[in-house]
C-alpha atoms as a PDB file:
ATOM      1  CA  MET A   1      33.512 -50.986  35.538  1.00  0.00           C
ATOM      2  CA  LEU A   2      32.161 -54.626  36.679  1.00  0.00           C
ATOM      3  CA  SER A   3      33.620 -55.711  39.584  1.00  0.00           C
ATOM      4  CA  ASP A   4      31.684 -58.942  39.634  1.00  0.00           C
ATOM      5  CA  ILE A   5      32.418 -60.709  36.770  1.00  0.00           C
ATOM      6  CA  GLU A   6      32.301 -64.030  37.805  1.00  0.00           C
ATOM      7  CA  ARG A   7      28.797 -63.754  40.101  1.00  0.00           C
ATOM      8  CA  HIS A   8      27.290 -62.354  36.639  1.00  0.00           C
ATOM      9  CA  LEU A   9      28.355 -65.143  34.774  1.00  0.00           C
ATOM     10  CA  GLY A  10      27.472 -67.628  37.490  1.00  0.00           C
ATOM     11  CA  ALA A  11      23.815 -66.167  37.785  1.00  0.00           C
ATOM     12  CA  VAL A  12      23.574 -67.502  34.223  1.00  0.00           C
ATOM     13  CA  GLU A  13      21.850 -70.989  33.225  1.00  0.00           C
ATOM     14  CA  ARG A  14      23.003 -72.395  29.595  1.00  0.00           C
ATOM     15  CA  ARG A  15      21.747 -75.476  27.560  1.00  0.00           C
ATOM     16  CA  VAL A  16      22.010 -76.205  24.315  1.00  0.00           C
ATOM     17  CA  VAL A  17      19.242 -78.525  22.148  1.00  0.00           C
ATOM     18  CA  SER A  18      19.506 -80.016  19.256  1.00  0.00           C
ATOM     19  CA  LEU A  19      16.162 -80.383  17.341  1.00  0.00           C
ATOM     20  CA  GLU A  20      14.482 -79.449  13.724  1.00  0.00           C
ATOM     21  CA  ARG A  21      12.807 -76.111  12.594  1.00  0.00           C
ATOM     22  CA  ASP A  22      10.933 -76.107   9.517  1.00  0.00           C
ATOM     23  CA  GLY A  23      12.131 -79.646   9.070  1.00  0.00           C
ATOM     24  CA  ALA A  24      15.479 -79.185   8.545  1.00  0.00           C
ATOM     25  CA  PRO A  25      18.570 -79.365  11.312  1.00  0.00           C
ATOM     26  CA  ALA A  26      19.154 -76.381  14.103  1.00  0.00           C
ATOM     27  CA  ARG A  27      19.890 -75.983  17.799  1.00  0.00           C
ATOM     28  CA  ALA A  28      18.272 -73.743  20.961  1.00  0.00           C
ATOM     29  CA  VAL A  29      20.663 -71.608  22.395  1.00  0.00           C
ATOM     30  CA  ILE A  30      18.684 -71.520  26.312  1.00  0.00           C
ATOM     31  CA  LEU A  31      19.832 -68.486  28.998  1.00  0.00           C
ATOM     32  CA  SER A  32      18.113 -68.450  32.266  1.00  0.00           C
ATOM     33  CA  ARG A  33      18.976 -66.266  34.797  1.00  0.00           C
ATOM     34  CA  ILE A  34      16.901 -64.752  37.848  1.00  0.00           C
ATOM     35  CA  TYR A  35      15.716 -60.756  38.943  1.00  0.00           C
ATOM     36  CA  GLU A  36      15.734 -59.211  42.341  1.00  0.00           C
ATOM     37  CA  THR A  37      11.666 -57.525  41.152  1.00  0.00           C
ATOM     38  CA  THR A  38       7.683 -58.391  40.883  1.00  0.00           C
ATOM     39  CA  VAL A  39       6.579 -60.351  36.815  1.00  0.00           C
ATOM     40  CA  ASP A  40       4.928 -57.329  36.333  1.00  0.00           C
ATOM     41  CA  ASP A  41       8.280 -55.123  36.765  1.00  0.00           C
ATOM     42  CA  LEU A  42      10.157 -57.302  34.464  1.00  0.00           C
ATOM     43  CA  TRP A  43       7.758 -57.417  31.782  1.00  0.00           C
ATOM     44  CA  ASP A  44       7.627 -53.686  31.469  1.00  0.00           C
ATOM     45  CA  ALA A  45      11.561 -53.665  31.275  1.00  0.00           C
ATOM     46  CA  VAL A  46      11.738 -56.496  28.800  1.00  0.00           C
ATOM     47  CA  THR A  47       8.207 -54.873  26.431  1.00  0.00           C
ATOM     48  CA  ASN A  48       8.193 -50.699  27.554  1.00  0.00           C
ATOM     49  CA  LYS A  49       9.198 -48.979  24.915  1.00  0.00           C
ATOM     50  CA  GLU A  50      10.171 -46.018  27.094  1.00  0.00           C
ATOM     51  CA  ARG A  51      12.235 -48.858  29.102  1.00  0.00           C
ATOM     52  CA  LEU A  52      14.513 -50.981  26.179  1.00  0.00           C
ATOM     53  CA  PRO A  53      16.866 -48.252  25.399  1.00  0.00           C
ATOM     54  CA  ARG A  54      18.274 -48.014  29.377  1.00  0.00           C
ATOM     55  CA  TRP A  55      19.601 -51.511  28.777  1.00  0.00           C
ATOM     56  CA  PHE A  56      18.755 -53.216  25.837  1.00  0.00           C
ATOM     57  CA  ALA A  57      18.751 -50.928  22.712  1.00  0.00           C
ATOM     58  CA  PRO A  58      15.552 -48.548  21.134  1.00  0.00           C
ATOM     59  CA  VAL A  59      12.974 -50.688  19.465  1.00  0.00           C
ATOM     60  CA  ALA A  60      10.558 -48.997  17.743  1.00  0.00           C
ATOM     61  CA  GLY A  61       7.424 -50.267  15.962  1.00  0.00           C
ATOM     62  CA  ASP A  62       3.934 -51.858  16.588  1.00  0.00           C
ATOM     63  CA  LEU A  63       4.580 -54.945  19.817  1.00  0.00           C
ATOM     64  CA  GLN A  64       1.753 -56.450  19.591  1.00  0.00           C
ATOM     65  CA  ILE A  65       0.748 -59.898  18.016  1.00  0.00           C
ATOM     66  CA  GLY A  66       0.974 -59.416  13.774  1.00  0.00           C
ATOM     67  CA  GLY A  67       2.785 -56.341  14.603  1.00  0.00           C
ATOM     68  CA  ARG A  68       6.587 -55.779  13.102  1.00  0.00           C
ATOM     69  CA  TYR A  69       9.713 -54.380  15.342  1.00  0.00           C
ATOM     70  CA  GLN A  70      13.101 -53.001  14.410  1.00  0.00           C
ATOM     71  CA  VAL A  71      15.878 -53.764  16.885  1.00  0.00           C
ATOM     72  CA  GLU A  72      18.266 -50.007  16.142  1.00  0.00           C
ATOM     73  CA  ASN A  73      20.996 -51.097  14.093  1.00  0.00           C
ATOM     74  CA  ASN A  74      19.861 -54.761  14.345  1.00  0.00           C
ATOM     75  CA  ALA A  75      17.562 -57.540  13.693  1.00  0.00           C
ATOM     76  CA  ASP A  76      13.528 -56.686  12.982  1.00  0.00           C
ATOM     77  CA  GLY A  77      10.450 -59.575  12.780  1.00  0.00           C
ATOM     78  CA  GLU A  78       7.699 -60.469  13.745  1.00  0.00           C
ATOM     79  CA  ILE A  79       5.494 -60.932  17.562  1.00  0.00           C
ATOM     80  CA  VAL A  80       3.800 -64.476  16.396  1.00  0.00           C
ATOM     81  CA  GLN A  81       2.533 -64.185  20.579  1.00  0.00           C
ATOM     82  CA  CYS A  82       2.070 -61.977  23.521  1.00  0.00           C
ATOM     83  CA  GLU A  83       0.252 -63.790  26.884  1.00  0.00           C
ATOM     84  CA  PRO A  84       1.340 -60.093  29.356  1.00  0.00           C
ATOM     85  CA  PRO A  85       2.946 -61.418  31.894  1.00  0.00           C
ATOM     86  CA  ARG A  86       3.791 -64.692  31.233  1.00  0.00           C
ATOM     87  CA  MET A  87       5.590 -65.039  26.856  1.00  0.00           C
ATOM     88  CA  PHE A  88       6.327 -63.556  24.374  1.00  0.00           C
ATOM     89  CA  SER A  89       7.476 -65.305  21.166  1.00  0.00           C
ATOM     90  CA  LEU A  90       9.129 -63.697  17.744  1.00  0.00           C
ATOM     91  CA  THR A  91      11.058 -63.851  14.858  1.00  0.00           C
ATOM     92  CA  TRP A  92      13.971 -62.285  14.222  1.00  0.00           C
ATOM     93  CA  LYS A  93      15.631 -61.016  11.152  1.00  0.00           C
ATOM     94  CA  ILE A  94      19.064 -60.071  10.305  1.00  0.00           C
ATOM     95  CA  GLY A  95      21.557 -60.173   7.225  1.00  0.00           C
ATOM     96  CA  GLY A  96      18.684 -62.174   5.743  1.00  0.00           C
ATOM     97  CA  ASP A  97      18.330 -65.165   8.035  1.00  0.00           C
ATOM     98  CA  VAL A  98      15.730 -65.846  10.055  1.00  0.00           C
ATOM     99  CA  SER A  99      15.381 -66.857  13.371  1.00  0.00           C
ATOM    100  CA  TRP A 100      13.302 -66.939  16.617  1.00  0.00           C
ATOM    101  CA  VAL A 101      13.552 -65.838  19.731  1.00  0.00           C
ATOM    102  CA  ASP A 102      10.814 -67.152  22.898  1.00  0.00           C
ATOM    103  CA  VAL A 103      10.632 -65.345  26.336  1.00  0.00           C
ATOM    104  CA  GLU A 104       8.349 -67.048  29.071  1.00  0.00           C
ATOM    105  CA  LEU A 105       9.040 -64.559  32.600  1.00  0.00           C
ATOM    106  CA  LYS A 106       8.216 -66.771  35.661  1.00  0.00           C
ATOM    107  CA  ALA A 107       7.572 -65.917  39.384  1.00  0.00           C
ATOM    108  CA  ASP A 108      10.351 -67.390  42.015  1.00  0.00           C
ATOM    109  CA  SER A 109       8.700 -65.426  44.829  1.00  0.00           C
ATOM    110  CA  LEU A 110       7.312 -62.810  45.614  1.00  0.00           C
ATOM    111  CA  GLU A 111       9.823 -59.855  44.264  1.00  0.00           C
ATOM    112  CA  VAL A 112      12.090 -62.742  42.304  1.00  0.00           C
ATOM    113  CA  ALA A 113      11.160 -62.939  38.863  1.00  0.00           C
ATOM    114  CA  ARG A 114      13.257 -65.667  36.646  1.00  0.00           C
ATOM    115  CA  LEU A 115      13.837 -64.670  32.608  1.00  0.00           C
ATOM    116  CA  THR A 116      14.154 -67.362  30.658  1.00  0.00           C
ATOM    117  CA  LEU A 117      15.302 -66.485  26.621  1.00  0.00           C
ATOM    118  CA  THR A 118      14.942 -69.348  23.482  1.00  0.00           C
ATOM    119  CA  HIS A 119      16.895 -68.920  20.528  1.00  0.00           C
ATOM    120  CA  THR A 120      16.541 -70.915  17.975  1.00  0.00           C
ATOM    121  CA  ALA A 121      18.225 -71.231  14.497  1.00  0.00           C
ATOM    122  CA  LYS A 122      19.259 -73.574  11.678  1.00  0.00           C
ATOM    123  CA  VAL A 123      22.261 -75.170  11.204  1.00  0.00           C
ATOM    124  CA  SER A 124      24.149 -73.051   9.101  1.00  0.00           C
ATOM    125  CA  PRO A 125      27.856 -71.545   8.345  1.00  0.00           C
ATOM    126  CA  HIS A 126      27.873 -69.181  11.251  1.00  0.00           C
ATOM    127  CA  TRP A 127      27.147 -71.771  14.134  1.00  0.00           C
ATOM    128  CA  GLU A 128      29.407 -74.273  12.362  1.00  0.00           C
ATOM    129  CA  GLN A 129      31.682 -71.870  13.135  1.00  0.00           C
ATOM    130  CA  PHE A 130      30.568 -70.106  16.117  1.00  0.00           C
ATOM    131  CA  GLY A 131      28.535 -72.477  17.547  1.00  0.00           C
ATOM    132  CA  PRO A 132      26.150 -71.355  20.186  1.00  0.00           C
ATOM    133  CA  GLY A 133      28.136 -69.302  21.981  1.00  0.00           C
ATOM    134  CA  ALA A 134      27.997 -66.367  19.302  1.00  0.00           C
ATOM    135  CA  GLY A 135      24.587 -65.997  19.729  1.00  0.00           C
ATOM    136  CA  GLY A 136      24.686 -66.795  24.115  1.00  0.00           C
ATOM    137  CA  VAL A 137      27.564 -64.351  24.513  1.00  0.00           C
ATOM    138  CA  GLY A 138      25.439 -61.326  22.880  1.00  0.00           C
ATOM    139  CA  TRP A 139      22.501 -62.455  24.404  1.00  0.00           C
ATOM    140  CA  GLU A 140      24.375 -62.844  27.630  1.00  0.00           C
ATOM    141  CA  LEU A 141      25.654 -59.261  28.110  1.00  0.00           C
ATOM    142  CA  GLY A 142      21.925 -58.090  27.249  1.00  0.00           C
ATOM    143  CA  LEU A 143      20.449 -60.221  30.688  1.00  0.00           C
ATOM    144  CA  LEU A 144      24.159 -58.381  32.322  1.00  0.00           C
ATOM    145  CA  GLY A 145      22.514 -55.090  30.593  1.00  0.00           C
ATOM    146  CA  LEU A 146      19.284 -56.093  32.477  1.00  0.00           C
ATOM    147  CA  ALA A 147      19.810 -56.572  35.476  1.00  0.00           C
ATOM    148  CA  LEU A 148      22.656 -54.010  35.680  1.00  0.00           C
ATOM    149  CA  TYR A 149      19.651 -52.025  35.110  1.00  0.00           C
ATOM    150  CA  LEU A 150      17.611 -53.349  36.885  1.00  0.00           C
ATOM    151  CA  ALA A 151      19.770 -53.123  40.335  1.00  0.00           C
ATOM    152  CA  ASP A 152      20.872 -48.830  39.246  1.00  0.00           C
ATOM    153  CA  ALA A 153      18.268 -47.822  36.877  1.00  0.00           C
ATOM    154  CA  GLU A 154      19.534 -44.297  37.072  1.00  0.00           C
ATOM    155  CA  ALA A 155      22.667 -46.155  36.396  1.00  0.00           C
ATOM    156  CA  ASP A 156      24.588 -45.182  32.530  1.00  0.00           C
ATOM    157  CA  LYS A 157      23.764 -48.382  30.088  1.00  0.00           C
ATOM    158  CA  LEU A 158      26.183 -50.905  29.654  1.00  0.00           C
ATOM    159  CA  ASP A 159      28.018 -50.337  26.444  1.00  0.00           C
ATOM    160  CA  GLU A 160      28.119 -53.822  24.898  1.00  0.00           C
ATOM    161  CA  GLU A 161      31.172 -52.514  22.665  1.00  0.00           C
ATOM    162  CA  ALA A 162      33.238 -50.809  24.844  1.00  0.00           C
ATOM    163  CA  PHE A 163      33.244 -53.656  27.702  1.00  0.00           C
ATOM    164  CA  ALA A 164      33.647 -56.187  25.212  1.00  0.00           C
ATOM    165  CA  VAL A 165      37.264 -54.886  24.888  1.00  0.00           C
ATOM    166  CA  SER A 166      37.711 -53.362  28.059  1.00  0.00           C
ATOM    167  CA  ALA A 167      39.563 -55.686  30.401  1.00  0.00           C
ATOM    168  CA  GLU A 168      36.271 -56.917  32.538  1.00  0.00           C
ATOM    169  CA  GLY A 169      34.673 -57.366  29.207  1.00  0.00           C
ATOM    170  CA  LYS A 170      36.893 -59.164  28.134  1.00  0.00           C
ATOM    171  CA  ALA A 171      37.152 -61.313  31.012  1.00  0.00           C
ATOM    172  CA  PHE A 172      33.179 -61.752  30.793  1.00  0.00           C
ATOM    173  CA  VAL A 173      33.368 -63.010  27.122  1.00  0.00           C
ATOM    174  CA  ARG A 174      35.761 -65.115  27.577  1.00  0.00           C
ATOM    175  CA  GLY A 175      34.211 -66.885  30.671  1.00  0.00           C
ATOM    176  CA  SER A 176      31.521 -66.356  28.850  1.00  0.00           C
ATOM    177  CA  SER A 177      32.636 -68.191  25.610  1.00  0.00           C
ATOM    178  CA  LYS A 178      33.820 -70.941  27.373  1.00  0.00           C
ATOM    179  CA  LYS A 179      31.015 -72.454  29.325  1.00  0.00           C
ATOM    180  CA  TRP A 180      28.706 -71.895  26.252  1.00  0.00           C
ATOM    181  CA  GLY A 181      31.488 -74.530  24.880  1.00  0.00           C
ATOM    182  CA  GLU A 182      30.853 -76.910  27.721  1.00  0.00           C
ATOM    183  CA  ALA A 183      27.092 -76.137  27.253  1.00  0.00           C
ATOM    184  CA  ALA A 184      27.668 -77.546  23.767  1.00  0.00           C
ATOM    185  CA  ILE A 185      29.963 -80.494  25.760  1.00  0.00           C
ATOM    186  CA  SER A 186      26.609 -81.147  28.247  1.00  0.00           C
ATOM    187  CA  ALA A 187      24.539 -80.801  24.482  1.00  0.00           C
ATOM    188  CA  GLY A 188      26.952 -84.178  22.711  1.00  0.00           C
ATOM    189  CA  GLU A 189      28.628 -81.996  20.801  1.00  0.00           C
ATOM    190  CA  ASP A 190      32.645 -83.096  20.146  1.00  0.00           C
ATOM    191  CA  PRO A 191      34.466 -81.142  22.991  1.00  0.00           C
ATOM    192  CA  LYS A 192      37.383 -80.190  20.387  1.00  0.00           C
ATOM    193  CA  LYS A 193      34.869 -78.750  17.861  1.00  0.00           C
ATOM    194  CA  ALA A 194      33.508 -77.225  21.089  1.00  0.00           C
ATOM    195  CA  LEU A 195      36.245 -75.342  22.675  1.00  0.00           C
ATOM    196  CA  ALA A 196      37.407 -74.291  19.438  1.00  0.00           C
ATOM    197  CA  SER A 197      33.832 -72.305  18.252  1.00  0.00           C
ATOM    198  CA  ALA A 198      34.276 -70.619  21.955  1.00  0.00           C
ATOM    199  CA  SER A 199      37.883 -69.833  21.205  1.00  0.00           C
ATOM    200  CA  ARG A 200      36.908 -68.134  17.828  1.00  0.00           C
ATOM    201  CA  THR A 201      33.262 -67.242  19.685  1.00  0.00           C
ATOM    202  CA  ALA A 202      35.869 -64.881  22.434  1.00  0.00           C
ATOM    203  CA  ALA A 203      37.752 -62.971  19.664  1.00  0.00           C
ATOM    204  CA  PHE A 204      35.465 -62.213  17.477  1.00  0.00           C
ATOM    205  CA  TYR A 205      33.348 -60.296  20.961  1.00  0.00           C
ATOM    206  CA  THR A 206      37.113 -59.150  22.146  1.00  0.00           C
ATOM    207  CA  GLY A 207      39.066 -58.375  18.654  1.00  0.00           C
ATOM    208  CA  GLU A 208      41.808 -60.274  20.675  1.00  0.00           C
ATOM    209  CA  THR A 209      42.944 -63.678  18.396  1.00  0.00           C
ATOM    210  CA  GLU A 210      42.168 -67.419  18.809  1.00  0.00           C
ATOM    211  CA  ALA A 211      43.585 -68.992  21.832  1.00  0.00           C
ATOM    212  CA  SER A 212      45.548 -71.857  21.358  1.00  0.00           C
END
């Protein structure tokens, strides 16, 4: 299904930042990946309703500042900022919780563009249990799907659920979870706690028991 797991894991830069949001402790999970395409094409791929289902999910709504969106079977929210083809920001509401997503695009060269996604959430019991990997692995699967789509627009879309329980997918999820644990440690998290959270994240995505 996917033979170059390590290449895709190595293509993502990961950071975790501690901050405050609306006066409460929060954490930002930051992913960055480059794509061999122009900024204009990358912008179209991540904002065009016709292209989003090919690598992400169907998105309904009014995709402009102040408009509301709905990701099929997932989050909804409001688009609060949009500066084509450079960046957009939106609220991300799911399960009664509100967080914030910022996406920035930048040209690394004429035919290479960088996407940086920042997902900020207030510290919660969910964060305490799973750490940055809960959101980080999910977004990393999305960026993987985007990479595969841009490499071959005619290829079948990556089925994240089926992929996560395949041998290749489990290797990807374990590797991503581990790297998010390492990112948490680099951000100052207690190593034992960070690695335990990473193990729980991997188990959640793969359906397996936690690593001992």
